[in-house]
Every structure is written in structure tokens, then in C-alpha cells.
Amino acid sequence: MTPDILCIGSVLWDIIGRTPSNMRLGSDVPGRITRLPGGVAMNIAMTLARFGLRPALLTAIGRDAEGQELLAACQRLGLLTGHVYVSEDLPTDRYMAIEGANGLIAAIADAHSLEAAGDKILRPLADGALGSARAPWRGPIALDGNLTTALLAEIAQSPLFALADLRVAPASPGKAERLLPLLAHPRATFYVNLEEAGLLCHTRFDTSMRAAEGLLERGAFRVLVTDGGRACTSGTSAGCHSLQPPPVMVTRVTGAGDTFMAAHIAAEARGDAAEVALASAVHAAADYVSAEVG
């Protein structure tokens, strides 16, 4: 089956503890702990599948029990896993986060196996399975910043990505600067939050509009900048457009940016105009963060 979009990056288990209480350093409170399929590429792919698209995953998963369980979960969700690099000696990656009523308290992403696999995850783009240097993939690609700086720099110059509609997201503010080599890519759309935009521009911004303008001045082709419950902005060299998200009660935050990105991609795949696609993404993210968590 030919995929509608490729999702390249982290696919792992999310282990997330949530509590309705405010938390501080050293807090020990009751709450709930869940384990769900996660990772930036995975979150994007799951949301795209809910919007009716067929995403294929390009990632590294271990041939351990956790990895086999994760692959089965991906397939049940309608994601294409035939091009996943399955490692004999690398364990399946994990992410752990603590969320309180006052937001994300702390998180650790263990994506070392993805980093160690390196360009092995890109083989289907070169060996003819999904493309080659002579006939590169021409469709959309969602790419996340969990790859190494060296591999992201290689992707920025690679003929395998020269004709793709590249959609790029940092995995976290701590990894935002890994994406600097891609900033000048002529076909890349960046999805970042206000902090990540500042890190990419080596400054601080007070609004998403200023952040979008700053990224465009640095050479970005197109950007979408979010700022929590404040106005988000979509921009190109032709101009920028901002939109205020609806007020909602926030019950979770992990995965919200990935949901925003996937909803925007799906809206554009339907042929929606720029302002309509931005509104679709904003409302999808608002629905996500306000949803009751089982």
C-alpha cells in the first residue's frame, strides 16, 4: 500500500504520570500513570490516521518484547510499519513525563536507539522501496528533531529529500537547535512553539507573530508558531496570519504540538486554504488538551 505521508523520527512508549494537583520540586501526590504508544513521529502519524490519511513510519524499534508490542499497536491504529528498521541489538525507546495542574513538570526522552540506528531508518528512501536519488519521494514528510544533528544536516542536503513537502518539528526545546541545518531548506515548513523559535533564532520573542517574522528573516520557507493559549501564527515571505485559540480547561499537554501539526497537514491535504488550515489545527489542539484522560 502506498502511503500518503511518511513520518520520520521517534516511535516509542510514552510513560506519563498525571495529577490534578499543582506540583513543585519534590512533590509526591496521587495521580494516574499511563503507558501509550508515543514519540513525535508516532503522535503525528496517529492523528493523521484519525483524519483518514495513510501514514508510514520510518523509525527504529527493537526486536524485544516492548518493540513487538509497539509494532502491533501501530498496525492496529492503521499505521504502515513495513519500512520500520527493526534492530536485533537496540532496545525500544521510551519517554517519561510528569504533568500537574500547573503544566509539564519534567520529562526525559530516551531516544538513544533511534540516534544509534542513524541513516538505517532512511534506507527505503534510497533503495527504491519509497524512492531513490534519481526518483526521490515527492509527497509530504513529517520529520522530527529526535534524529542526530549529523543526520539532520545530511537530510538538509540530501537529494532523497529534494522534492519532498518537508514538515519539520523539534522533539522538544532542548533539541530545537538540531534543526538549524534545515532552516534554509527551500521546501521545509517548521512547526515550533515560542521557546523553540527563540532558540532557533538565538533570541527571545514575546509573541508568535514576532517569532514567525524572526524565523522568516533567518531564511525559513514557511513557519507555524504556537504559544500555548495565546495567539499562534502562520507565516511565509508573503505575510503572516495570527489566530487566537479558544479558551479551554487544560488536562494534558504532552502531544499537543504534534496534534496541531498533524491536523494542519491533514487540512492542507484536503485542500483547505491557509487560514482555514490554521483554524483546523488550533481547534484540534484545543480539543486534545481539554480531553478527559483515561
Protein backbone atom coordinates (compact mmCIF):
# COMPACT_ATOMS: atom_id res chain seq x y z
CA MET A 1 0.00 0.00 0.00
CA THR A 2 1.36 3.41 -0.97
CA PRO A 3 1.42 5.81 2.00
CA ASP A 4 0.01 9.32 1.85
CA ILE A 5 2.78 10.68 4.06
CA LEU A 6 5.99 9.49 5.71
CA CYS A 7 6.56 10.11 9.42
CA ILE A 8 10.26 10.01 10.27
CA GLY A 9 11.53 10.07 13.84
CA SER A 10 10.67 8.72 17.26
CA VAL A 11 8.21 5.90 17.84
CA LEU A 12 8.34 4.70 21.45
CA TRP A 13 6.39 4.08 24.61
CA ASP A 14 5.11 7.14 26.47
CA ILE A 15 5.03 6.62 30.24
CA ILE A 16 3.17 9.62 31.65
CA GLY A 17 2.11 10.44 35.20
CA ARG A 18 -0.70 12.99 35.56
CA THR A 19 -2.25 14.58 38.61
CA PRO A 20 -4.92 17.27 39.08
CA SER A 21 -2.74 18.83 41.79
CA ASN A 22 -0.22 21.64 41.38
CA MET A 23 3.30 20.26 41.69
CA ARG A 24 6.69 21.59 42.67
CA LEU A 25 10.16 20.08 43.11
CA GLY A 26 9.88 17.07 45.41
CA SER A 27 6.08 16.76 45.25
CA ASP A 28 4.65 13.30 45.97
CA VAL A 29 0.95 13.27 45.03
CA PRO A 30 -1.73 10.82 43.89
CA GLY A 31 -2.49 10.59 40.20
CA ARG A 32 -2.59 8.19 37.28
CA ILE A 33 0.24 6.64 35.27
CA THR A 34 -0.36 5.50 31.70
CA ARG A 35 1.73 3.76 29.07
CA LEU A 36 0.73 4.55 25.50
CA PRO A 37 2.35 4.49 22.04
CA GLY A 38 4.09 7.83 21.63
CA GLY A 39 7.01 9.77 20.22
CA VAL A 40 6.74 12.77 17.92
CA ALA A 41 6.55 10.81 14.66
CA MET A 42 4.10 8.37 16.24
CA ASN A 43 1.83 11.09 17.64
CA ILE A 44 1.72 12.81 14.27
CA ALA A 45 1.02 9.54 12.45
CA MET A 46 -1.79 8.56 14.84
CA THR A 47 -3.52 11.90 14.35
CA LEU A 48 -3.11 11.74 10.58
CA ALA A 49 -4.69 8.28 10.59
CA ARG A 50 -7.67 9.64 12.55
CA PHE A 51 -8.09 12.22 9.78
CA GLY A 52 -8.24 9.44 7.18
CA LEU A 53 -4.67 9.53 5.82
CA ARG A 54 -2.34 6.53 5.44
CA PRO A 55 0.96 7.37 7.19
CA ALA A 56 4.04 5.16 7.01
CA LEU A 57 6.60 5.14 9.82
CA LEU A 58 10.35 5.38 9.27
CA THR A 59 11.94 4.77 12.65
CA ALA A 60 13.92 2.28 14.73
CA ILE A 61 12.24 -0.22 17.04
CA GLY A 62 13.92 -3.02 18.95
CA ARG A 63 13.19 -6.68 18.33
CA ASP A 64 12.36 -7.01 22.03
CA ALA A 65 9.01 -7.71 23.65
CA GLU A 66 8.24 -3.99 24.03
CA GLY A 67 9.09 -3.42 20.38
CA GLN A 68 6.88 -6.22 19.10
CA GLU A 69 4.03 -4.94 21.26
CA LEU A 70 4.59 -1.41 19.92
CA LEU A 71 4.59 -2.56 16.28
CA ALA A 72 1.34 -4.43 16.86
CA ALA A 73 -0.19 -1.32 18.40
CA CYS A 74 0.90 0.76 15.38
CA GLN A 75 -0.73 -1.69 12.99
CA ARG A 76 -3.99 -1.72 14.96
CA LEU A 77 -4.04 2.07 14.67
CA GLY A 78 -3.81 1.85 10.87
CA LEU A 79 -0.17 2.92 10.55
CA LEU A 80 2.05 1.35 7.89
CA THR A 81 5.07 -0.34 9.52
CA GLY A 82 6.56 -2.26 6.61
CA HIS A 83 9.50 0.16 6.30
CA VAL A 84 10.42 0.34 10.01
CA TYR A 85 14.02 -0.59 10.85
CA VAL A 86 13.79 -3.37 13.44
CA SER A 87 17.06 -3.73 15.34
CA GLU A 88 18.35 -7.00 16.73
CA ASP A 89 20.50 -5.36 19.40
CA LEU A 90 18.94 -1.97 20.23
CA PRO A 91 16.15 -1.70 22.83
CA THR A 92 12.87 0.03 22.10
CA ASP A 93 12.97 3.71 23.11
CA ARG A 94 10.88 5.28 25.91
CA TYR A 95 9.69 8.69 27.09
CA MET A 96 8.70 9.57 30.65
CA ALA A 97 6.86 12.70 31.77
CA ILE A 98 5.17 14.15 34.85
CA GLU A 99 2.26 16.55 34.37
CA GLY A 100 0.45 18.51 37.07
CA ALA A 101 -2.37 21.03 37.08
CA ASN A 102 0.33 23.66 36.53
CA GLY A 103 1.57 22.01 33.31
CA LEU A 104 4.52 19.81 32.38
CA ILE A 105 6.75 19.40 35.42
CA ALA A 106 9.56 17.33 33.91
CA ALA A 107 10.25 14.87 31.11
CA ILE A 108 13.03 12.58 29.91
CA ALA A 109 13.19 11.26 26.35
CA ASP A 110 15.28 8.13 25.88
CA ALA A 111 15.63 8.04 22.09
CA HIS A 112 19.14 6.59 22.08
CA SER A 113 18.22 3.65 19.86
CA LEU A 114 16.81 5.96 17.18
CA GLU A 115 20.01 8.01 17.32
CA ALA A 116 22.19 4.88 17.17
CA ALA A 117 20.29 3.49 14.17
CA GLY A 118 21.21 6.65 12.22
CA ASP A 119 20.59 6.60 8.48
CA LYS A 120 19.47 2.95 8.53
CA ILE A 121 15.94 4.24 9.04
CA LEU A 122 16.17 6.14 5.72
CA ARG A 123 17.07 3.14 3.55
CA PRO A 124 13.58 2.83 2.00
CA LEU A 125 14.01 6.35 0.58
CA ALA A 126 17.18 5.30 -1.23
CA ASP A 127 16.70 1.65 -2.24
CA GLY A 128 13.63 2.13 -4.41
CA ALA A 129 11.06 0.99 -1.85
CA LEU A 130 9.82 4.56 -1.38
CA GLY A 131 12.24 6.49 -3.57
CA SER A 132 15.81 6.84 -4.77
CA ALA A 133 18.32 9.55 -5.62
CA ARG A 134 17.09 9.54 -9.23
CA ALA A 135 13.41 9.38 -8.31
CA PRO A 136 13.05 10.90 -4.82
CA TRP A 137 9.88 10.82 -2.75
CA ARG A 138 7.61 13.69 -3.86
CA GLY A 139 4.97 13.62 -1.18
CA PRO A 140 4.78 15.06 2.33
CA ILE A 141 7.25 14.02 5.04
CA ALA A 142 6.84 14.77 8.74
CA LEU A 143 10.30 14.90 10.29
CA ASP A 144 11.09 15.27 13.99
CA GLY A 145 14.15 16.53 15.85
CA ASN A 146 14.92 13.30 17.68
CA LEU A 147 17.38 12.41 14.91
CA THR A 148 21.02 13.36 15.45
CA THR A 149 22.36 16.74 14.36
CA ALA A 150 24.62 14.99 11.84
CA LEU A 151 21.73 13.07 10.25
CA LEU A 152 19.50 16.16 10.11
CA ALA A 153 22.33 18.07 8.41
CA GLU A 154 22.65 15.23 5.91
CA ILE A 155 18.91 15.30 5.23
CA ALA A 156 19.07 19.06 4.60
CA GLN A 157 21.44 18.46 1.66
CA SER A 158 20.23 15.04 0.52
CA PRO A 159 18.75 14.55 -2.97
CA LEU A 160 16.42 11.99 -1.37
CA PHE A 161 14.50 14.90 0.22
CA ALA A 162 14.92 17.46 -2.57
CA LEU A 163 11.35 17.18 -3.90
CA ALA A 164 9.51 16.36 -0.68
CA ASP A 165 6.99 18.58 1.06
CA LEU A 166 9.01 18.60 4.28
CA ARG A 167 7.20 19.32 7.57
CA VAL A 168 9.64 19.74 10.47
CA ALA A 169 9.08 19.74 14.24
CA PRO A 170 11.52 19.88 17.16
CA ALA A 171 11.08 17.00 19.57
CA SER A 172 11.45 19.48 22.44
CA PRO A 173 13.03 22.87 23.14
CA GLY A 174 16.19 21.04 24.20
CA LYS A 175 16.56 19.63 20.69
CA ALA A 176 15.37 22.64 18.68
CA GLU A 177 18.85 23.75 17.62
CA ARG A 178 19.42 20.38 15.96
CA LEU A 179 17.11 21.66 13.21
CA LEU A 180 19.27 24.66 12.27
CA PRO A 181 20.70 22.92 9.14
CA LEU A 182 17.13 22.58 7.80
CA LEU A 183 16.17 26.22 8.33
CA ALA A 184 17.19 27.21 4.81
CA HIS A 185 15.64 24.17 3.11
CA PRO A 186 13.52 25.57 0.23
CA ARG A 187 10.60 23.18 0.85
CA ALA A 188 10.51 22.93 4.65
CA THR A 189 7.65 24.08 6.87
CA PHE A 190 8.61 24.50 10.54
CA TYR A 191 6.17 23.84 13.39
CA VAL A 192 7.59 25.30 16.60
CA ASN A 193 6.48 26.88 19.85
CA LEU A 194 7.59 30.31 21.04
CA GLU A 195 10.56 28.98 23.03
CA GLU A 196 11.78 26.79 20.16
CA ALA A 197 11.55 29.72 17.74
CA GLY A 198 13.73 31.78 20.07
CA LEU A 199 16.32 29.01 20.30
CA LEU A 200 16.49 28.70 16.52
CA CYS A 201 16.97 32.48 16.22
CA HIS A 202 19.25 32.79 19.28
CA THR A 203 16.97 35.36 20.88
CA ARG A 204 13.67 35.64 22.78
CA PHE A 205 10.28 36.60 21.36
CA ASP A 206 7.23 37.92 23.18
CA THR A 207 4.63 36.95 20.55
CA SER A 208 4.19 34.25 17.93
CA MET A 209 3.95 36.94 15.25
CA ARG A 210 7.39 38.29 16.10
CA ALA A 211 8.75 34.76 16.28
CA ALA A 212 7.36 33.89 12.86
CA GLU A 213 8.83 37.05 11.38
CA GLY A 214 12.18 36.28 13.00
CA LEU A 215 12.32 32.76 11.55
CA LEU A 216 11.40 34.04 8.11
CA GLU A 217 14.16 36.64 8.35
CA ARG A 218 16.56 33.78 9.13
CA GLY A 219 15.65 32.14 5.81
CA ALA A 220 12.76 29.81 6.68
CA PHE A 221 10.41 28.98 3.79
CA ARG A 222 7.27 28.70 5.96
CA VAL A 223 6.61 28.62 9.71
CA LEU A 224 3.84 27.97 12.18
CA VAL A 225 4.48 29.20 15.72
CA THR A 226 2.32 28.29 18.73
CA ASP A 227 2.28 29.91 22.17
CA GLY A 228 0.07 27.82 24.43
CA GLY A 229 -3.24 29.57 24.96
CA ARG A 230 -2.05 32.79 23.29
CA ALA A 231 -2.28 33.60 19.58
CA CYS A 232 -0.46 31.33 17.14
CA THR A 233 0.88 32.47 13.77
CA SER A 234 1.32 31.01 10.29
CA GLY A 235 3.76 32.82 8.02
CA THR A 236 5.58 32.88 4.71
CA SER A 237 7.53 35.56 2.90
CA ALA A 238 4.16 36.79 1.55
CA GLY A 239 2.93 37.63 5.06
CA CYS A 240 1.79 36.27 8.43
CA HIS A 241 -1.60 35.46 9.91
CA SER A 242 -2.40 35.02 13.62
CA LEU A 243 -5.29 33.27 15.33
CA GLN A 244 -6.33 33.15 19.00
CA PRO A 245 -7.07 29.62 20.32
CA PRO A 246 -10.37 29.11 22.13
CA PRO A 247 -10.18 29.13 25.95
CA VAL A 248 -10.22 25.57 27.32
CA MET A 249 -9.51 23.71 30.55
CA VAL A 250 -6.11 22.05 30.05
CA THR A 251 -5.98 18.43 31.25
CA ARG A 252 -2.88 17.27 29.30
CA VAL A 253 -0.07 18.83 27.30
CA THR A 254 2.18 16.02 26.05
CA GLY A 255 1.46 15.55 22.33
CA ALA A 256 -0.45 18.81 21.85
CA GLY A 257 2.08 20.26 19.39
CA ASP A 258 2.14 17.02 17.42
CA THR A 259 -1.67 17.09 17.20
CA PHE A 260 -1.57 20.70 15.97
CA MET A 261 0.96 19.79 13.27
CA ALA A 262 -0.90 16.69 12.08
CA ALA A 263 -4.24 18.49 11.94
CA HIS A 264 -2.68 21.26 9.86
CA ILE A 265 -1.13 18.76 7.44
CA ALA A 266 -4.45 16.92 7.11
CA ALA A 267 -6.33 20.16 6.47
CA GLU A 268 -3.95 21.13 3.69
CA ALA A 269 -4.20 17.60 2.24
CA ARG A 270 -7.96 18.24 1.97
CA GLY A 271 -7.18 21.41 0.02
CA ASP A 272 -8.10 23.88 2.76
CA ALA A 273 -6.85 27.45 2.39
CA ALA A 274 -4.10 28.67 4.73
CA GLU A 275 -6.39 30.44 7.22
CA VAL A 276 -8.83 27.51 7.31
CA ALA A 277 -5.99 25.02 7.84
CA LEU A 278 -4.63 27.10 10.73
CA ALA A 279 -8.07 27.22 12.36
CA SER A 280 -8.45 23.44 11.99
CA ALA A 281 -5.08 22.90 13.67
CA VAL A 282 -5.86 25.30 16.52
CA HIS A 283 -9.19 23.66 17.30
CA ALA A 284 -7.77 20.13 17.07
CA ALA A 285 -5.06 21.05 19.58
CA ALA A 286 -7.61 22.70 21.88
CA ASP A 287 -9.79 19.59 21.78
CA TYR A 288 -6.75 17.44 22.55
CA VAL A 289 -5.50 19.37 25.59
CA SER A 290 -9.01 19.65 27.07
CA ALA A 291 -9.95 15.97 26.59
CA GLU A 292 -10.55 13.78 29.59
CA VAL A 293 -7.66 11.34 30.03
CA GLY A 294 -8.46 7.75 30.95
